[in-house]
Amino acid sequence: MATQIKTKKAAKSKALSNTKGKDYGNAPFFVKKAKESKAFLEKNGFPEAILKKR
């Protein structure tokens, strides 16, 4: 019985890893947000706290 549970879990995890999600990279909402964030960073730059960590 324990081996059946292990194989079911393994099969379930493989099924989840093989699924492909929809690509929203070119969706108008995300394109607009990316442009806005890029413009903001060009105007204001990165915060100093983030730059120090790099």
PDB file of N, CA and C in Angstrom:
ATOM      1  N   MET A   1       0.822  -1.196   0.000  1.00  0.00           N
ATOM      2  CA  MET A   1       0.000   0.000   0.000  1.00  0.00           C
ATOM      3  C   MET A   1       0.862   1.256   0.000  1.00  0.00           C
ATOM      4  N   ALA A   2       1.967   1.216   0.716  1.00  0.00           N
ATOM      5  CA  ALA A   2       2.848   2.377   0.773  1.00  0.00           C
ATOM      6  C   ALA A   2       3.447   2.673  -0.594  1.00  0.00           C
ATOM      7  N   THR A   3       3.738   1.628  -1.372  1.00  0.00           N
ATOM      8  CA  THR A   3       4.311   1.867  -2.696  1.00  0.00           C
ATOM      9  C   THR A   3       3.283   2.476  -3.637  1.00  0.00           C
ATOM     10  N   GLN A   4       2.026   2.147  -3.457  1.00  0.00           N
ATOM     11  CA  GLN A   4       0.981   2.734  -4.289  1.00  0.00           C
ATOM     12  C   GLN A   4       0.870   4.228  -4.027  1.00  0.00           C
ATOM     13  N   ILE A   5       0.985   4.620  -2.772  1.00  0.00           N
ATOM     14  CA  ILE A   5       0.890   6.038  -2.412  1.00  0.00           C
ATOM     15  C   ILE A   5       2.075   6.787  -3.016  1.00  0.00           C
ATOM     16  N   LYS A   6       3.267   6.204  -2.930  1.00  0.00           N
ATOM     17  CA  LYS A   6       4.447   6.861  -3.480  1.00  0.00           C
ATOM     18  C   LYS A   6       4.327   7.032  -4.991  1.00  0.00           C
ATOM     19  N   THR A   7       3.864   6.031  -5.686  1.00  0.00           N
ATOM     20  CA  THR A   7       3.764   6.133  -7.137  1.00  0.00           C
ATOM     21  C   THR A   7       2.684   7.119  -7.546  1.00  0.00           C
ATOM     22  N   LYS A   8       1.598   7.199  -6.787  1.00  0.00           N
ATOM     23  CA  LYS A   8       0.553   8.168  -7.090  1.00  0.00           C
ATOM     24  C   LYS A   8       1.086   9.587  -6.910  1.00  0.00           C
ATOM     25  N   LYS A   9       1.852   9.799  -5.832  1.00  0.00           N
ATOM     26  CA  LYS A   9       2.429  11.127  -5.601  1.00  0.00           C
ATOM     27  C   LYS A   9       3.427  11.481  -6.697  1.00  0.00           C
ATOM     28  N   ALA A  10       4.251  10.524  -7.094  1.00  0.00           N
ATOM     29  CA  ALA A  10       5.233  10.774  -8.144  1.00  0.00           C
ATOM     30  C   ALA A  10       4.536  11.084  -9.467  1.00  0.00           C
ATOM     31  N   ALA A  11       3.484  10.345  -9.783  1.00  0.00           N
ATOM     32  CA  ALA A  11       2.761  10.582 -11.027  1.00  0.00           C
ATOM     33  C   ALA A  11       2.091  11.950 -10.998  1.00  0.00           C
ATOM     34  N   LYS A  12       1.582  12.329  -9.840  1.00  0.00           N
ATOM     35  CA  LYS A  12       0.919  13.623  -9.709  1.00  0.00           C
ATOM     36  C   LYS A  12       1.927  14.760  -9.883  1.00  0.00           C
ATOM     37  N   SER A  13       3.111  14.636  -9.282  1.00  0.00           N
ATOM     38  CA  SER A  13       4.108  15.692  -9.389  1.00  0.00           C
ATOM     39  C   SER A  13       4.633  15.817 -10.814  1.00  0.00           C
ATOM     40  N   LYS A  14       4.763  14.698 -11.523  1.00  0.00           N
ATOM     41  CA  LYS A  14       5.207  14.762 -12.913  1.00  0.00           C
ATOM     42  C   LYS A  14       4.164  15.437 -13.783  1.00  0.00           C
ATOM     43  N   ALA A  15       2.909  15.163 -13.508  1.00  0.00           N
ATOM     44  CA  ALA A  15       1.841  15.767 -14.290  1.00  0.00           C
ATOM     45  C   ALA A  15       1.827  17.279 -14.090  1.00  0.00           C
ATOM     46  N   LEU A  16       2.072  17.719 -12.884  1.00  0.00           N
ATOM     47  CA  LEU A  16       2.076  19.154 -12.619  1.00  0.00           C
ATOM     48  C   LEU A  16       3.280  19.839 -13.253  1.00  0.00           C
ATOM     49  N   SER A  17       4.422  19.171 -13.291  1.00  0.00           N
ATOM     50  CA  SER A  17       5.617  19.788 -13.849  1.00  0.00           C
ATOM     51  C   SER A  17       5.577  19.833 -15.379  1.00  0.00           C
ATOM     52  N   ASN A  18       4.784  18.967 -16.001  1.00  0.00           N
ATOM     53  CA  ASN A  18       4.723  18.938 -17.451  1.00  0.00           C
ATOM     54  C   ASN A  18       3.674  19.877 -18.028  1.00  0.00           C
ATOM     55  N   THR A  19       2.825  20.426 -17.191  1.00  0.00           N
ATOM     56  CA  THR A  19       1.784  21.320 -17.707  1.00  0.00           C
ATOM     57  C   THR A  19       2.414  22.656 -18.071  1.00  0.00           C
ATOM     58  N   LYS A  20       1.919  23.217 -19.141  1.00  0.00           N
ATOM     59  CA  LYS A  20       2.422  24.513 -19.572  1.00  0.00           C
ATOM     60  C   LYS A  20       1.330  25.550 -19.351  1.00  0.00           C
ATOM     61  N   GLY A  21       1.707  26.650 -18.749  1.00  0.00           N
ATOM     62  CA  GLY A  21       0.761  27.721 -18.511  1.00  0.00           C
ATOM     63  C   GLY A  21       0.694  28.640 -19.712  1.00  0.00           C
ATOM     64  N   LYS A  22      -0.338  29.432 -19.741  1.00  0.00           N
ATOM     65  CA  LYS A  22      -0.502  30.387 -20.823  1.00  0.00           C
ATOM     66  C   LYS A  22       0.525  31.503 -20.677  1.00  0.00           C
ATOM     67  N   ASP A  23       1.086  31.941 -21.773  1.00  0.00           N
ATOM     68  CA  ASP A  23       2.079  33.000 -21.769  1.00  0.00           C
ATOM     69  C   ASP A  23       1.370  34.349 -21.864  1.00  0.00           C
ATOM     70  N   TYR A  24       1.508  35.154 -20.818  1.00  0.00           N
ATOM     71  CA  TYR A  24       0.879  36.473 -20.792  1.00  0.00           C
ATOM     72  C   TYR A  24       1.896  37.578 -21.064  1.00  0.00           C
ATOM     73  N   GLY A  25       3.048  37.254 -21.590  1.00  0.00           N
ATOM     74  CA  GLY A  25       4.106  38.230 -21.801  1.00  0.00           C
ATOM     75  C   GLY A  25       3.747  39.351 -22.750  1.00  0.00           C
ATOM     76  N   ASN A  26       2.899  39.085 -23.722  1.00  0.00           N
ATOM     77  CA  ASN A  26       2.529  40.116 -24.690  1.00  0.00           C
ATOM     78  C   ASN A  26       1.109  40.620 -24.499  1.00  0.00           C
ATOM     79  N   ALA A  27       0.499  40.308 -23.373  1.00  0.00           N
ATOM     80  CA  ALA A  27      -0.846  40.795 -23.080  1.00  0.00           C
ATOM     81  C   ALA A  27      -0.784  42.310 -22.883  1.00  0.00           C
ATOM     82  N   PRO A  28      -1.762  43.051 -23.384  1.00  0.00           N
ATOM     83  CA  PRO A  28      -1.719  44.516 -23.297  1.00  0.00           C
ATOM     84  C   PRO A  28      -1.535  45.040 -21.873  1.00  0.00           C
ATOM     85  N   PHE A  29      -2.171  44.420 -20.907  1.00  0.00           N
ATOM     86  CA  PHE A  29      -2.039  44.872 -19.527  1.00  0.00           C
ATOM     87  C   PHE A  29      -0.597  44.818 -19.068  1.00  0.00           C
ATOM     88  N   PHE A  30       0.088  43.716 -19.321  1.00  0.00           N
ATOM     89  CA  PHE A  30       1.460  43.549 -18.856  1.00  0.00           C
ATOM     90  C   PHE A  30       2.445  44.385 -19.666  1.00  0.00           C
ATOM     91  N   VAL A  31       2.167  44.581 -20.944  1.00  0.00           N
ATOM     92  CA  VAL A  31       3.026  45.438 -21.766  1.00  0.00           C
ATOM     93  C   VAL A  31       2.958  46.866 -21.245  1.00  0.00           C
ATOM     94  N   LYS A  32       1.755  47.326 -20.902  1.00  0.00           N
ATOM     95  CA  LYS A  32       1.580  48.681 -20.375  1.00  0.00           C
ATOM     96  C   LYS A  32       2.310  48.834 -19.041  1.00  0.00           C
ATOM     97  N   LYS A  33       2.171  47.852 -18.164  1.00  0.00           N
ATOM     98  CA  LYS A  33       2.829  47.917 -16.859  1.00  0.00           C
ATOM     99  C   LYS A  33       4.352  47.905 -17.004  1.00  0.00           C
ATOM    100  N   ALA A  34       4.862  47.135 -17.947  1.00  0.00           N
ATOM    101  CA  ALA A  34       6.306  47.082 -18.168  1.00  0.00           C
ATOM    102  C   ALA A  34       6.830  48.422 -18.667  1.00  0.00           C
ATOM    103  N   LYS A  35       6.089  49.058 -19.569  1.00  0.00           N
ATOM    104  CA  LYS A  35       6.505  50.371 -20.066  1.00  0.00           C
ATOM    105  C   LYS A  35       6.484  51.413 -18.959  1.00  0.00           C
ATOM    106  N   GLU A  36       5.439  51.378 -18.129  1.00  0.00           N
ATOM    107  CA  GLU A  36       5.343  52.327 -17.020  1.00  0.00           C
ATOM    108  C   GLU A  36       6.484  52.137 -16.023  1.00  0.00           C
ATOM    109  N   SER A  37       6.800  50.900 -15.700  1.00  0.00           N
ATOM    110  CA  SER A  37       7.864  50.651 -14.737  1.00  0.00           C
ATOM    111  C   SER A  37       9.230  51.027 -15.303  1.00  0.00           C
ATOM    112  N   LYS A  38       9.437  50.783 -16.583  1.00  0.00           N
ATOM    113  CA  LYS A  38      10.701  51.153 -17.211  1.00  0.00           C
ATOM    114  C   LYS A  38      10.872  52.672 -17.213  1.00  0.00           C
ATOM    115  N   ALA A  39       9.794  53.392 -17.528  1.00  0.00           N
ATOM    116  CA  ALA A  39       9.856  54.848 -17.525  1.00  0.00           C
ATOM    117  C   ALA A  39      10.122  55.374 -16.117  1.00  0.00           C
ATOM    118  N   PHE A  40       9.501  54.779 -15.125  1.00  0.00           N
ATOM    119  CA  PHE A  40       9.712  55.203 -13.741  1.00  0.00           C
ATOM    120  C   PHE A  40      11.157  54.994 -13.320  1.00  0.00           C
ATOM    121  N   LEU A  41      11.726  53.830 -13.661  1.00  0.00           N
ATOM    122  CA  LEU A  41      13.105  53.550 -13.271  1.00  0.00           C
ATOM    123  C   LEU A  41      14.087  54.442 -14.016  1.00  0.00           C
ATOM    124  N   GLU A  42      13.796  54.774 -15.266  1.00  0.00           N
ATOM    125  CA  GLU A  42      14.679  55.683 -15.994  1.00  0.00           C
ATOM    126  C   GLU A  42      14.650  57.072 -15.380  1.00  0.00           C
ATOM    127  N   LYS A  43      13.490  57.486 -14.901  1.00  0.00           N
ATOM    128  CA  LYS A  43      13.350  58.812 -14.297  1.00  0.00           C
ATOM    129  C   LYS A  43      13.959  58.859 -12.892  1.00  0.00           C
ATOM    130  N   ASN A  44      13.648  57.864 -12.058  1.00  0.00           N
ATOM    131  CA  ASN A  44      14.028  57.899 -10.646  1.00  0.00           C
ATOM    132  C   ASN A  44      15.216  57.027 -10.290  1.00  0.00           C
ATOM    133  N   GLY A  45      15.537  56.049 -11.098  1.00  0.00           N
ATOM    134  CA  GLY A  45      16.638  55.144 -10.794  1.00  0.00           C
ATOM    135  C   GLY A  45      16.254  54.117  -9.741  1.00  0.00           C
ATOM    136  N   PHE A  46      17.177  53.195  -9.489  1.00  0.00           N
ATOM    137  CA  PHE A  46      16.962  52.164  -8.474  1.00  0.00           C
ATOM    138  C   PHE A  46      17.227  52.745  -7.096  1.00  0.00           C
ATOM    139  N   PRO A  47      16.524  52.245  -6.062  1.00  0.00           N
ATOM    140  CA  PRO A  47      16.831  52.671  -4.696  1.00  0.00           C
ATOM    141  C   PRO A  47      18.236  52.231  -4.299  1.00  0.00           C
ATOM    142  N   GLU A  48      18.878  52.993  -3.461  1.00  0.00           N
ATOM    143  CA  GLU A  48      20.245  52.707  -3.039  1.00  0.00           C
ATOM    144  C   GLU A  48      20.350  51.363  -2.319  1.00  0.00           C
ATOM    145  N   ALA A  49      19.321  50.980  -1.571  1.00  0.00           N
ATOM    146  CA  ALA A  49      19.360  49.723  -0.832  1.00  0.00           C
ATOM    147  C   ALA A  49      19.488  48.530  -1.786  1.00  0.00           C
ATOM    148  N   ILE A  50      18.860  48.595  -2.929  1.00  0.00           N
ATOM    149  CA  ILE A  50      18.941  47.508  -3.895  1.00  0.00           C
ATOM    150  C   ILE A  50      20.299  47.519  -4.585  1.00  0.00           C
ATOM    151  N   LEU A  51      20.806  48.681  -4.900  1.00  0.00           N
ATOM    152  CA  LEU A  51      22.088  48.765  -5.590  1.00  0.00           C
ATOM    153  C   LEU A  51      23.233  48.259  -4.721  1.00  0.00           C
ATOM    154  N   LYS A  52      23.147  48.464  -3.406  1.00  0.00           N
ATOM    155  CA  LYS A  52      24.215  48.018  -2.507  1.00  0.00           C
ATOM    156  C   LYS A  52      24.291  46.507  -2.418  1.00  0.00           C
ATOM    157  N   LYS A  53      23.153  45.814  -2.590  1.00  0.00           N
ATOM    158  CA  LYS A  53      23.134  44.356  -2.501  1.00  0.00           C
ATOM    159  C   LYS A  53      23.786  43.690  -3.692  1.00  0.00           C
ATOM    160  N   ARG A  54      23.869  44.356  -4.808  1.00  0.00           N
ATOM    161  CA  ARG A  54      24.450  43.778  -6.012  1.00  0.00           C
ATOM    162  C   ARG A  54      25.915  43.737  -5.979  1.00  0.00           C
TER     163      ARG A  54
END
